[in-house]
Amino acid sequence: MKRVLLGAVTLASVLCAPAFAETGTVDLPFGLDQGDSINEDASPVPLVSATRPTTGWVWSDLDPASVPHAVNTNKVYINPCKPNGCVVRGGTSATSIDNSSSQGGWPLSGTRTLTPFDASDAVWNEVVLCLKDVFSPFGVEIVTSNPSPAPHFEIMIAGSPQDLGMSSGIGGVSPFSCAEHIPNSLVFAFQNVYGANVNEICATAAQEIAHSWRLDHVTDASDPMTYAPYNGRRRFKDAPVTCGSDCTNGSYMGLTCSGTNNQTRTCSCQTGPTQNSAARLRLLFGTGTPTPPTVTISNPKLGASVAPGFPVIAEASDDNGIQRVELWVDGVMTSQLMTGPFAFNAPTTLADGTHNVKVLAYDIYGTAKDANVQVVIGEPCGKPADCPKDTDTCIGGRCVPGPGAQGGLGSTCNSGPDCASGQCATDASGAKYCVENCELGEGQCPDDFGCLKAGDQGVCWPGYDDGTGGICSAGGPGGAVSLGLAFAAMLFARRRRKS
């Protein structure tokens, strides 16, 4: 096993390394059994040959063969070290596990105290939200309560590098190993270096903890693993990206650099010329539940009378970016657009009657959200008798399966596929019924139903009196259902049609 050794690299009279037990100049590439700590330059100039602070590293005793492939926790504790700072004990390895006198350990010469996060509570809350968003595509849980002594990873987002005896040019620091991960790793993102800049604090924190999961620096400016400048929120790239952006004088930790401005190199740990950051995180933690896109249909409106080939105008947005938007008519995808504006035309071959229109938006991680309306081609219905089937009812000028039809309005259900509309709604009492959309206050629902506000839409709900008296009678379940104050708690399970 290798003893602890610091390699300190000095450029322009700036030492970018902490004071460990032993120092020396190290010029070795990453090996398969080596570990190190990476000190992030707070203000690097990527993709440009420049003299600037570079990284120091510590070869550790971590044996990759001793680390299981699977992580034993998905929790990442983000610690602002409030109110009195974090006591970090010196040792030979980085650990997030507390003891009676300290909040973690690091290879330091003696015990140090990291001063607390000194930006506002509002800034801290934004940092928390940013990190949760950045890691949402993966099975990583960002927590703000200390899990210790249970296994966990930890990012101390606080203080300055000088608190730990490091150079002022360091923005963050992490151990590194060619093992699958560093169990219970503790890393630092020095908030005082970045002030109240939420995106830079967030990106630094994401990069540092990802170093403990064997992620290297990359050249893509939009990935947290880069040294390149970027305006906006960085996200882990789901594509092969060249390693680099961190080269000084033609090399980085013994790896030879080349390419544009001499800033690309092979990835560490003999993993090749490129890195897929997102794929690496999925391998360790699996997939998460990213926030779905926001999508609306501005035209046509619910129940509109239209002609074949009618236009469909939609708006879609997502913090991660929109990958594509699809138009579905009556369960069939008819077209898709990769970029906005999202303006479609329905098929010109649609027959008279009611048609279901769905716009389905995907973010860059494949998370989907839809918006739905029903429209009428031909003469709209005014009563159930105008509809082609005896089991249909008329809602807002369109014919829909009524209470007498399988999966029709008011039928009991467990999930969206049980309903002809694809919508199974439930209230706080646990009652579940198939519902159809309606316009609030327009008296569109049949007798024994009322138009009930559910989120940002109205649905025909059995036994609810909306004060309009209904527009027609279609039979169905009678008797009032008392929902009390549970109206806003209505939940939906939409049917997902196969694409």
Protein backbone atom coordinates (compact mmCIF):
# COMPACT_ATOMS: atom_id res chain seq x y z
CA MET A 1 0.00 0.00 0.00
CA LYS A 2 1.19 3.53 -0.67
CA ARG A 3 1.82 5.96 2.14
CA VAL A 4 0.19 9.38 2.03
CA LEU A 5 2.13 11.80 -0.15
CA LEU A 6 1.23 15.26 -1.33
CA GLY A 7 2.18 16.47 -4.76
CA ALA A 8 2.16 20.26 -4.63
CA VAL A 9 2.41 22.13 -7.92
CA THR A 10 3.32 25.80 -7.77
CA LEU A 11 2.69 28.18 -10.67
CA ALA A 12 3.04 31.94 -10.63
CA SER A 13 4.08 31.71 -6.97
CA VAL A 14 0.66 30.28 -6.05
CA LEU A 15 0.67 27.04 -4.08
CA CYS A 16 -2.58 25.19 -4.73
CA ALA A 17 -2.23 22.50 -2.08
CA PRO A 18 -2.84 22.03 1.64
CA ALA A 19 -0.07 21.39 4.10
CA PHE A 20 -0.01 17.64 4.63
CA ALA A 21 2.45 15.57 6.57
CA GLU A 22 4.91 15.20 3.72
CA THR A 23 5.35 17.13 0.50
CA GLY A 24 7.12 16.53 -2.74
CA THR A 25 6.75 17.04 -6.45
CA VAL A 26 4.78 14.22 -8.05
CA ASP A 27 4.47 13.85 -11.81
CA LEU A 28 2.65 10.56 -12.31
CA PRO A 29 -0.47 9.63 -14.27
CA PHE A 30 -3.42 8.17 -12.42
CA GLY A 31 -2.93 4.46 -11.92
CA LEU A 32 -5.50 1.79 -11.27
CA ASP A 33 -4.69 1.62 -7.58
CA GLN A 34 -4.12 5.27 -6.81
CA GLY A 35 -6.20 7.92 -5.12
CA ASP A 36 -5.80 11.65 -4.71
CA SER A 37 -7.49 14.81 -3.62
CA ILE A 38 -8.31 17.42 -6.22
CA ASN A 39 -8.18 21.11 -5.37
CA GLU A 40 -10.33 23.17 -7.72
CA ASP A 41 -8.96 26.49 -8.92
CA ALA A 42 -11.54 29.13 -8.03
CA SER A 43 -11.06 31.13 -11.22
CA PRO A 44 -9.57 28.91 -13.94
CA VAL A 45 -9.23 30.09 -17.52
CA PRO A 46 -10.18 26.97 -19.50
CA LEU A 47 -9.26 26.18 -23.08
CA VAL A 48 -6.64 28.94 -23.02
CA SER A 49 -2.98 28.35 -22.29
CA ALA A 50 -2.39 30.38 -19.16
CA THR A 51 -0.34 30.35 -16.01
CA ARG A 52 -2.74 29.76 -13.18
CA PRO A 53 -3.06 27.70 -9.99
CA THR A 54 -3.41 24.02 -10.71
CA THR A 55 -4.27 20.98 -8.64
CA GLY A 56 -2.53 19.27 -5.77
CA TRP A 57 -3.24 15.64 -4.94
CA VAL A 58 -2.78 13.02 -2.27
CA TRP A 59 -2.06 9.41 -3.09
CA SER A 60 -4.11 7.45 -0.60
CA ASP A 61 -4.17 3.93 0.77
CA LEU A 62 -7.61 3.20 -0.72
CA ASP A 63 -7.42 -0.13 -2.52
CA PRO A 64 -9.93 -0.25 -5.42
CA ALA A 65 -10.28 -4.00 -4.90
CA SER A 66 -11.61 -3.35 -1.40
CA VAL A 67 -14.45 -1.11 -2.61
CA PRO A 68 -17.63 -2.86 -3.76
CA HIS A 69 -19.05 -1.86 -7.12
CA ALA A 70 -22.40 -0.93 -5.57
CA VAL A 71 -22.60 2.11 -3.31
CA ASN A 72 -23.99 1.48 0.17
CA THR A 73 -25.87 4.79 0.29
CA ASN A 74 -27.44 7.29 -2.07
CA LYS A 75 -27.59 10.10 0.49
CA VAL A 76 -25.54 13.25 -0.05
CA TYR A 77 -25.59 15.54 2.97
CA ILE A 78 -25.02 19.20 2.12
CA ASN A 79 -23.72 20.97 5.19
CA PRO A 80 -23.56 24.79 5.56
CA CYS A 81 -21.66 24.38 8.85
CA LYS A 82 -24.06 26.69 10.65
CA PRO A 83 -24.06 28.26 13.12
CA ASN A 84 -20.58 27.73 14.56
CA GLY A 85 -18.60 26.20 11.71
CA CYS A 86 -17.50 22.59 11.18
CA VAL A 87 -14.66 21.01 13.11
CA VAL A 88 -12.66 18.82 10.72
CA ARG A 89 -10.23 16.42 12.34
CA GLY A 90 -6.91 15.58 10.76
CA GLY A 91 -6.15 12.06 9.62
CA THR A 92 -5.12 9.97 6.66
CA SER A 93 -8.42 9.82 4.77
CA ALA A 94 -11.58 11.79 4.03
CA THR A 95 -14.65 10.68 5.96
CA SER A 96 -18.11 12.13 6.45
CA ILE A 97 -18.71 10.22 9.68
CA ASP A 98 -18.80 12.40 12.81
CA ASN A 99 -17.25 11.62 16.15
CA SER A 100 -17.83 13.24 19.52
CA SER A 101 -15.64 16.24 18.75
CA SER A 102 -15.74 16.76 14.98
CA GLN A 103 -18.05 16.76 11.97
CA GLY A 104 -15.75 14.76 9.70
CA GLY A 105 -12.16 13.95 8.91
CA TRP A 106 -9.68 14.88 6.19
CA PRO A 107 -5.96 14.39 5.57
CA LEU A 108 -4.98 17.59 7.37
CA SER A 109 -2.12 18.40 9.70
CA GLY A 110 -4.18 18.81 12.84
CA THR A 111 -7.76 19.81 13.53
CA ARG A 112 -9.28 22.75 11.66
CA THR A 113 -12.58 24.66 11.78
CA LEU A 114 -14.37 25.54 8.54
CA THR A 115 -16.24 28.80 9.01
CA PRO A 116 -19.99 28.73 8.29
CA PHE A 117 -21.83 29.55 5.07
CA ASP A 118 -22.07 33.35 5.20
CA ALA A 119 -24.52 34.20 2.40
CA SER A 120 -28.22 34.70 3.12
CA ASP A 121 -30.74 31.99 3.92
CA ALA A 122 -32.36 32.74 0.55
CA VAL A 123 -29.07 31.95 -1.23
CA TRP A 124 -28.71 28.72 0.74
CA ASN A 125 -32.24 27.66 -0.17
CA GLU A 126 -31.48 28.30 -3.84
CA VAL A 127 -28.29 26.22 -3.59
CA VAL A 128 -30.29 23.35 -2.08
CA LEU A 129 -32.88 23.54 -4.86
CA CYS A 130 -30.15 23.71 -7.50
CA LEU A 131 -28.36 20.59 -6.25
CA LYS A 132 -31.63 18.67 -5.97
CA ASP A 133 -32.41 19.66 -9.55
CA VAL A 134 -28.96 18.81 -10.92
CA PHE A 135 -29.02 15.34 -9.34
CA SER A 136 -32.73 14.69 -9.96
CA PRO A 137 -32.12 12.48 -13.05
CA PHE A 138 -30.22 10.04 -10.83
CA GLY A 139 -31.04 8.01 -7.75
CA VAL A 140 -29.19 10.47 -5.53
CA GLU A 141 -30.93 11.94 -2.48
CA ILE A 142 -29.78 15.40 -1.44
CA VAL A 143 -30.43 15.85 2.30
CA THR A 144 -29.95 18.76 4.69
CA SER A 145 -30.09 16.76 7.94
CA ASN A 146 -26.96 14.96 9.10
CA PRO A 147 -27.30 11.17 8.59
CA SER A 148 -24.20 10.39 10.68
CA PRO A 149 -23.34 7.79 11.95
CA ALA A 150 -25.19 6.13 9.05
CA PRO A 151 -23.23 5.87 5.79
CA HIS A 152 -23.47 8.95 3.58
CA PHE A 153 -21.53 11.26 1.29
CA GLU A 154 -21.07 14.86 2.41
CA ILE A 155 -20.39 18.26 0.86
CA MET A 156 -19.41 21.02 3.26
CA ILE A 157 -20.54 24.18 1.46
CA ALA A 158 -18.99 26.83 3.63
CA GLY A 159 -15.93 28.80 4.56
CA SER A 160 -12.72 29.41 2.66
CA PRO A 161 -9.73 27.24 1.72
CA GLN A 162 -7.58 29.12 4.22
CA ASP A 163 -9.75 27.66 7.01
CA LEU A 164 -8.22 24.28 6.18
CA GLY A 165 -4.72 25.61 5.58
CA MET A 166 -5.05 25.71 1.81
CA SER A 167 -4.25 28.37 -0.77
CA SER A 168 -6.73 31.18 -1.44
CA GLY A 169 -6.90 30.15 -5.10
CA ILE A 170 -8.83 26.95 -4.37
CA GLY A 171 -12.58 26.82 -4.99
CA GLY A 172 -13.19 23.26 -3.85
CA VAL A 173 -11.43 20.05 -2.92
CA SER A 174 -12.19 16.34 -3.14
CA PRO A 175 -10.42 13.05 -2.72
CA PHE A 176 -10.08 10.98 -5.88
CA SER A 177 -9.57 7.31 -6.53
CA CYS A 178 -9.78 4.88 -9.40
CA ALA A 179 -12.03 2.76 -7.21
CA GLU A 180 -15.71 2.73 -8.15
CA HIS A 181 -16.36 5.29 -5.41
CA ILE A 182 -14.91 6.52 -2.14
CA PRO A 183 -17.22 5.32 0.65
CA ASN A 184 -18.42 8.03 3.05
CA SER A 185 -16.41 10.65 1.21
CA LEU A 186 -16.25 14.21 2.52
CA VAL A 187 -15.63 17.06 0.04
CA PHE A 188 -15.56 20.84 0.26
CA ALA A 189 -17.05 23.64 -1.85
CA PHE A 190 -15.68 26.87 -0.42
CA GLN A 191 -18.69 29.20 -0.50
CA ASN A 192 -16.75 32.29 0.57
CA VAL A 193 -14.81 32.09 -2.70
CA TYR A 194 -18.04 32.44 -4.71
CA GLY A 195 -20.02 34.75 -2.44
CA ALA A 196 -23.73 34.56 -3.32
CA ASN A 197 -23.29 33.10 -6.82
CA VAL A 198 -25.74 30.19 -6.63
CA ASN A 199 -24.82 28.57 -9.95
CA GLU A 200 -21.08 28.55 -9.18
CA ILE A 201 -21.58 27.23 -5.65
CA CYS A 202 -23.90 24.55 -6.99
CA ALA A 203 -21.59 23.51 -9.84
CA THR A 204 -18.55 23.36 -7.56
CA ALA A 205 -20.41 21.23 -5.00
CA ALA A 206 -21.65 18.89 -7.74
CA GLN A 207 -18.16 18.56 -9.22
CA GLU A 208 -16.45 17.87 -5.91
CA ILE A 209 -18.76 15.07 -4.81
CA ALA A 210 -18.67 13.58 -8.32
CA HIS A 211 -14.88 13.36 -8.10
CA SER A 212 -15.47 10.91 -5.24
CA TRP A 213 -17.43 8.81 -7.73
CA ARG A 214 -14.49 8.68 -10.19
CA LEU A 215 -15.66 11.45 -12.51
CA ASP A 216 -12.87 13.40 -14.18
CA HIS A 217 -12.77 16.94 -15.58
CA VAL A 218 -14.28 17.43 -19.04
CA THR A 219 -14.18 20.11 -21.74
CA ASP A 220 -17.94 20.67 -22.12
CA ALA A 221 -18.72 24.03 -20.51
CA SER A 222 -22.28 23.00 -19.56
CA ASP A 223 -21.16 19.98 -17.49
CA PRO A 224 -20.33 20.53 -13.77
CA MET A 225 -17.10 18.58 -14.30
CA THR A 226 -15.53 21.35 -16.39
CA TYR A 227 -13.15 24.23 -15.68
CA ALA A 228 -14.74 26.15 -18.56
CA PRO A 229 -16.85 29.27 -17.86
CA TYR A 230 -20.58 29.00 -18.37
CA ASN A 231 -23.59 31.23 -17.82
CA GLY A 232 -26.40 29.25 -16.25
CA ARG A 233 -26.94 25.98 -14.45
CA ARG A 234 -24.55 23.19 -15.37
CA ARG A 235 -25.89 19.64 -15.73
CA PHE A 236 -24.18 16.28 -16.13
CA LYS A 237 -23.83 15.59 -19.85
CA ASP A 238 -25.42 12.41 -21.18
CA ALA A 239 -22.97 12.01 -24.06
CA PRO A 240 -19.29 11.11 -24.58
CA VAL A 241 -17.27 14.25 -23.80
CA THR A 242 -13.50 14.65 -24.01
CA CYS A 243 -11.63 14.98 -20.74
CA GLY A 244 -9.58 18.08 -20.03
CA SER A 245 -10.06 21.85 -19.57
CA ASP A 246 -7.57 21.68 -16.68
CA CYS A 247 -4.22 21.47 -18.46
CA THR A 248 -1.24 23.62 -17.55
CA ASN A 249 1.97 23.71 -19.58
CA GLY A 250 0.78 20.82 -21.74
CA SER A 251 -0.08 18.32 -19.03
CA TYR A 252 -2.31 17.51 -16.09
CA MET A 253 -1.12 15.18 -13.35
CA GLY A 254 1.31 13.57 -15.75
CA LEU A 255 -1.24 13.15 -18.54
CA THR A 256 -0.22 14.80 -21.82
CA CYS A 257 -2.65 17.40 -23.19
CA SER A 258 -3.35 18.25 -26.82
CA GLY A 259 -6.16 19.57 -29.01
CA THR A 260 -7.67 23.06 -28.95
CA ASN A 261 -5.45 25.33 -26.86
CA ASN A 262 -3.74 22.17 -25.60
CA GLN A 263 -6.67 21.47 -23.26
CA THR A 264 -7.83 17.93 -24.10
CA ARG A 265 -6.35 14.73 -22.73
CA THR A 266 -7.11 11.12 -22.01
CA CYS A 267 -9.35 10.52 -19.01
CA SER A 268 -7.85 9.38 -15.73
CA CYS A 269 -7.89 5.78 -14.51
CA GLN A 270 -7.19 4.53 -18.04
CA THR A 271 -10.87 4.91 -19.02
CA GLY A 272 -10.23 6.29 -22.51
CA PRO A 273 -10.50 9.68 -24.25
CA THR A 274 -14.09 10.51 -23.26
CA GLN A 275 -16.41 10.46 -20.27
CA ASN A 276 -20.21 10.27 -20.07
CA SER A 277 -20.92 11.90 -16.72
CA ALA A 278 -24.62 11.03 -16.65
CA ALA A 279 -24.02 7.40 -17.60
CA ARG A 280 -21.45 7.08 -14.81
CA LEU A 281 -23.93 8.40 -12.24
CA ARG A 282 -26.70 6.12 -13.51
CA LEU A 283 -24.34 3.16 -13.20
CA LEU A 284 -23.74 3.94 -9.53
CA PHE A 285 -27.15 5.20 -8.43
CA GLY A 286 -29.71 4.31 -11.08
CA THR A 287 -32.26 6.77 -12.39
CA GLY A 288 -34.16 9.35 -10.40
CA THR A 289 -37.36 11.30 -10.90
CA PRO A 290 -36.54 14.58 -12.64
CA THR A 291 -39.10 17.36 -12.60
CA PRO A 292 -41.27 16.94 -15.72
CA PRO A 293 -41.65 19.70 -18.31
CA THR A 294 -44.41 22.28 -18.23
CA VAL A 295 -46.70 21.93 -21.25
CA THR A 296 -49.96 23.62 -22.24
CA ILE A 297 -52.17 23.71 -25.33
CA SER A 298 -53.16 27.29 -26.13
CA ASN A 299 -55.11 26.37 -29.27
CA PRO A 300 -57.59 24.75 -29.77
CA LYS A 301 -59.56 25.14 -26.57
CA LEU A 302 -61.41 22.30 -24.88
CA GLY A 303 -64.58 21.45 -26.85
CA ALA A 304 -63.75 23.70 -29.80
CA SER A 305 -65.43 23.06 -33.15
CA VAL A 306 -62.68 22.59 -35.70
CA ALA A 307 -62.13 21.46 -39.29
CA PRO A 308 -59.88 18.57 -40.41
CA GLY A 309 -56.23 19.63 -40.40
CA PHE A 310 -56.86 22.09 -37.55
CA PRO A 311 -53.79 23.82 -36.03
CA VAL A 312 -52.49 22.88 -32.59
CA ILE A 313 -50.35 25.44 -30.75
CA ALA A 314 -48.49 24.34 -27.61
CA GLU A 315 -46.03 25.85 -25.16
CA ALA A 316 -43.41 23.63 -23.51
CA SER A 317 -40.52 24.49 -21.20
CA ASP A 318 -38.21 22.74 -18.77
CA ASP A 319 -35.27 23.76 -16.59
CA ASN A 320 -33.21 20.96 -18.14
CA GLY A 321 -34.25 21.80 -21.69
CA ILE A 322 -36.83 20.31 -24.05
CA GLN A 323 -35.74 17.30 -26.10
CA ARG A 324 -38.86 17.01 -28.29
CA VAL A 325 -42.61 17.65 -28.37
CA GLU A 326 -45.07 15.23 -29.97
CA LEU A 327 -48.64 15.65 -31.23
CA TRP A 328 -50.98 12.73 -30.63
CA VAL A 329 -54.51 12.55 -32.05
CA ASP A 330 -56.84 9.75 -30.94
CA GLY A 331 -53.94 7.74 -29.52
CA VAL A 332 -51.73 8.00 -32.60
CA MET A 333 -48.59 10.14 -32.81
CA THR A 334 -48.97 12.28 -35.92
CA SER A 335 -45.89 14.55 -35.78
CA GLN A 336 -43.06 15.81 -33.57
CA LEU A 337 -40.83 18.87 -33.29
CA MET A 338 -37.37 19.07 -31.76
CA THR A 339 -37.39 22.86 -31.25
CA GLY A 340 -40.02 25.56 -30.80
CA PRO A 341 -42.26 27.14 -31.75
CA PHE A 342 -44.40 24.05 -31.20
CA ALA A 343 -47.07 24.53 -33.87
CA PHE A 344 -48.65 21.47 -35.47
CA ASN A 345 -51.48 20.55 -37.80
CA ALA A 346 -53.79 17.63 -37.14
CA PRO A 347 -54.35 15.11 -39.96
CA THR A 348 -56.68 16.26 -42.73
CA THR A 349 -58.32 12.82 -42.83
CA LEU A 350 -60.11 13.05 -39.46
CA ALA A 351 -63.81 12.18 -39.60
CA ASP A 352 -66.67 14.04 -37.93
CA GLY A 353 -67.01 13.54 -34.20
CA THR A 354 -65.02 14.05 -31.01
CA HIS A 355 -61.24 13.75 -31.17
CA ASN A 356 -58.68 13.51 -28.38
CA VAL A 357 -55.68 15.80 -28.84
CA LYS A 358 -52.55 15.32 -26.74
CA VAL A 359 -49.28 17.21 -26.77
CA LEU A 360 -46.47 15.24 -25.11
CA ALA A 361 -43.24 17.04 -24.13
CA TYR A 362 -39.95 15.38 -23.11
CA ASP A 363 -37.03 16.95 -21.31
CA ILE A 364 -33.43 16.06 -22.14
CA TYR A 365 -33.53 13.15 -19.67
CA GLY A 366 -36.66 11.64 -21.22
CA THR A 367 -39.06 12.77 -18.50
CA ALA A 368 -42.45 13.40 -20.09
CA LYS A 369 -45.54 15.48 -19.37
CA ASP A 370 -48.67 15.88 -21.47
CA ALA A 371 -51.54 18.30 -22.02
CA ASN A 372 -54.90 17.19 -23.42
CA VAL A 373 -58.00 18.69 -25.01
CA GLN A 374 -60.97 17.25 -26.85
CA VAL A 375 -62.29 18.91 -30.00
CA VAL A 376 -65.26 18.34 -32.30
CA ILE A 377 -65.24 18.08 -36.07
CA GLY A 378 -68.68 18.69 -37.53
CA GLU A 379 -71.78 19.84 -35.69
CA PRO A 380 -71.23 19.83 -31.90
CA CYS A 381 -73.69 17.91 -29.75
CA GLY A 382 -76.25 19.73 -27.64
CA LYS A 383 -77.61 16.70 -25.78
CA PRO A 384 -76.81 12.98 -25.45
CA ALA A 385 -79.33 12.13 -28.17
CA ASP A 386 -77.11 13.94 -30.69
CA CYS A 387 -74.30 11.42 -30.08
CA PRO A 388 -73.79 8.33 -32.26
CA LYS A 389 -73.87 5.84 -29.37
CA ASP A 390 -76.63 5.32 -26.82
CA THR A 391 -74.00 5.04 -24.09
CA ASP A 392 -72.43 8.43 -24.94
CA THR A 393 -73.15 11.64 -23.11
CA CYS A 394 -72.58 15.23 -24.21
CA ILE A 395 -70.08 17.44 -22.38
CA GLY A 396 -69.31 20.89 -23.75
CA GLY A 397 -70.45 20.03 -27.27
CA ARG A 398 -68.48 16.81 -27.56
CA CYS A 399 -69.64 13.21 -27.31
CA VAL A 400 -67.83 11.11 -24.71
CA PRO A 401 -68.45 7.65 -23.21
CA GLY A 402 -71.06 8.12 -20.49
CA PRO A 403 -71.83 6.32 -17.23
CA GLY A 404 -73.28 3.34 -19.09
CA ALA A 405 -70.16 2.67 -21.14
CA GLN A 406 -67.16 0.61 -20.08
CA GLY A 407 -64.66 3.04 -18.60
CA GLY A 408 -67.11 5.85 -19.16
CA LEU A 409 -67.74 8.95 -17.06
CA GLY A 410 -68.21 8.07 -13.39
CA SER A 411 -67.01 4.47 -13.69
CA THR A 412 -64.91 3.25 -10.79
CA CYS A 413 -61.24 2.85 -11.63
CA ASN A 414 -57.80 2.15 -10.24
CA SER A 415 -55.67 3.96 -12.83
CA GLY A 416 -55.84 5.80 -16.14
CA PRO A 417 -56.01 2.72 -18.41
CA ASP A 418 -59.35 1.78 -16.79
CA CYS A 419 -60.98 4.90 -18.26
CA ALA A 420 -62.00 5.78 -21.80
CA SER A 421 -60.73 9.31 -21.13
CA GLY A 422 -57.41 8.04 -19.77
CA GLN A 423 -58.06 9.97 -16.54
CA CYS A 424 -58.77 8.27 -13.21
CA ALA A 425 -59.20 10.81 -10.41
CA THR A 426 -59.25 10.24 -6.67
CA ASP A 427 -60.26 12.41 -3.73
CA ALA A 428 -58.95 12.47 -0.18
CA SER A 429 -61.47 9.82 0.89
CA GLY A 430 -59.99 7.36 -1.60
CA ALA A 431 -62.93 7.34 -4.03
CA LYS A 432 -61.76 6.86 -7.63
CA TYR A 433 -63.79 7.61 -10.75
CA CYS A 434 -63.22 8.07 -14.46
CA VAL A 435 -63.56 11.77 -15.29
CA GLU A 436 -63.88 14.04 -18.32
CA ASN A 437 -62.64 17.61 -18.59
CA CYS A 438 -65.09 20.48 -18.35
CA GLU A 439 -65.07 24.27 -18.25
CA LEU A 440 -65.77 25.59 -14.74
CA GLY A 441 -69.04 27.46 -14.33
CA GLU A 442 -70.36 26.54 -17.79
CA GLY A 443 -72.83 23.83 -16.72
CA GLN A 444 -71.30 21.30 -19.09
CA CYS A 445 -71.55 18.15 -16.96
CA PRO A 446 -74.59 15.81 -17.12
CA ASP A 447 -77.09 15.40 -14.31
CA ASP A 448 -75.68 13.88 -11.12
CA PHE A 449 -72.28 15.37 -11.99
CA GLY A 450 -70.71 18.77 -11.39
CA CYS A 451 -67.64 20.50 -12.78
CA LEU A 452 -65.11 20.35 -9.95
CA LYS A 453 -61.82 22.29 -9.94
CA ALA A 454 -58.91 19.86 -9.80
CA GLY A 455 -55.52 21.51 -10.05
CA ASP A 456 -55.45 23.70 -13.15
CA GLN A 457 -58.50 22.12 -14.81
CA GLY A 458 -62.12 21.17 -14.25
CA VAL A 459 -63.48 17.61 -14.22
CA CYS A 460 -67.00 16.20 -14.12
CA TRP A 461 -67.26 14.56 -10.68
CA PRO A 462 -70.18 12.37 -9.55
CA GLY A 463 -72.47 13.80 -6.90
CA TYR A 464 -70.89 17.25 -6.90
CA ASP A 465 -73.22 20.24 -7.19
CA ASP A 466 -71.45 23.02 -9.07
CA GLY A 467 -74.51 25.27 -8.85
CA THR A 468 -75.29 25.21 -12.57
CA GLY A 469 -77.87 22.41 -12.60
CA GLY A 470 -76.13 20.45 -15.37
CA ILE A 471 -76.94 20.54 -19.07
CA CYS A 472 -78.44 17.14 -19.74
CA SER A 473 -79.24 13.79 -18.22
CA ALA A 474 -77.28 10.65 -18.89
CA GLY A 475 -78.13 8.59 -15.82
CA GLY A 476 -75.22 7.09 -13.93
CA PRO A 477 -74.28 6.89 -10.28
CA GLY A 478 -76.64 8.89 -8.11
CA GLY A 479 -76.27 10.25 -4.61
CA ALA A 480 -74.02 13.03 -3.48
CA VAL A 481 -70.42 12.31 -2.57
CA SER A 482 -69.09 14.58 0.17
CA LEU A 483 -65.59 15.75 -0.72
CA GLY A 484 -65.43 18.50 1.87
CA LEU A 485 -62.17 20.44 1.60
CA ALA A 486 -60.46 17.74 -0.43
CA PHE A 487 -61.16 19.37 -3.81
CA ALA A 488 -57.62 20.70 -4.21
CA ALA A 489 -56.15 17.35 -3.16
CA MET A 490 -57.48 15.52 -6.20
CA LEU A 491 -54.82 13.37 -7.81
CA PHE A 492 -54.63 12.08 -11.36
CA ALA A 493 -53.26 8.95 -12.93
CA ARG A 494 -53.20 9.44 -16.68
CA ARG A 495 -53.17 6.61 -19.10
CA ARG A 496 -49.88 6.40 -20.96
CA ARG A 497 -50.47 5.16 -24.47
CA LYS A 498 -47.79 3.18 -26.18
CA SER A 499 -45.78 5.25 -28.61
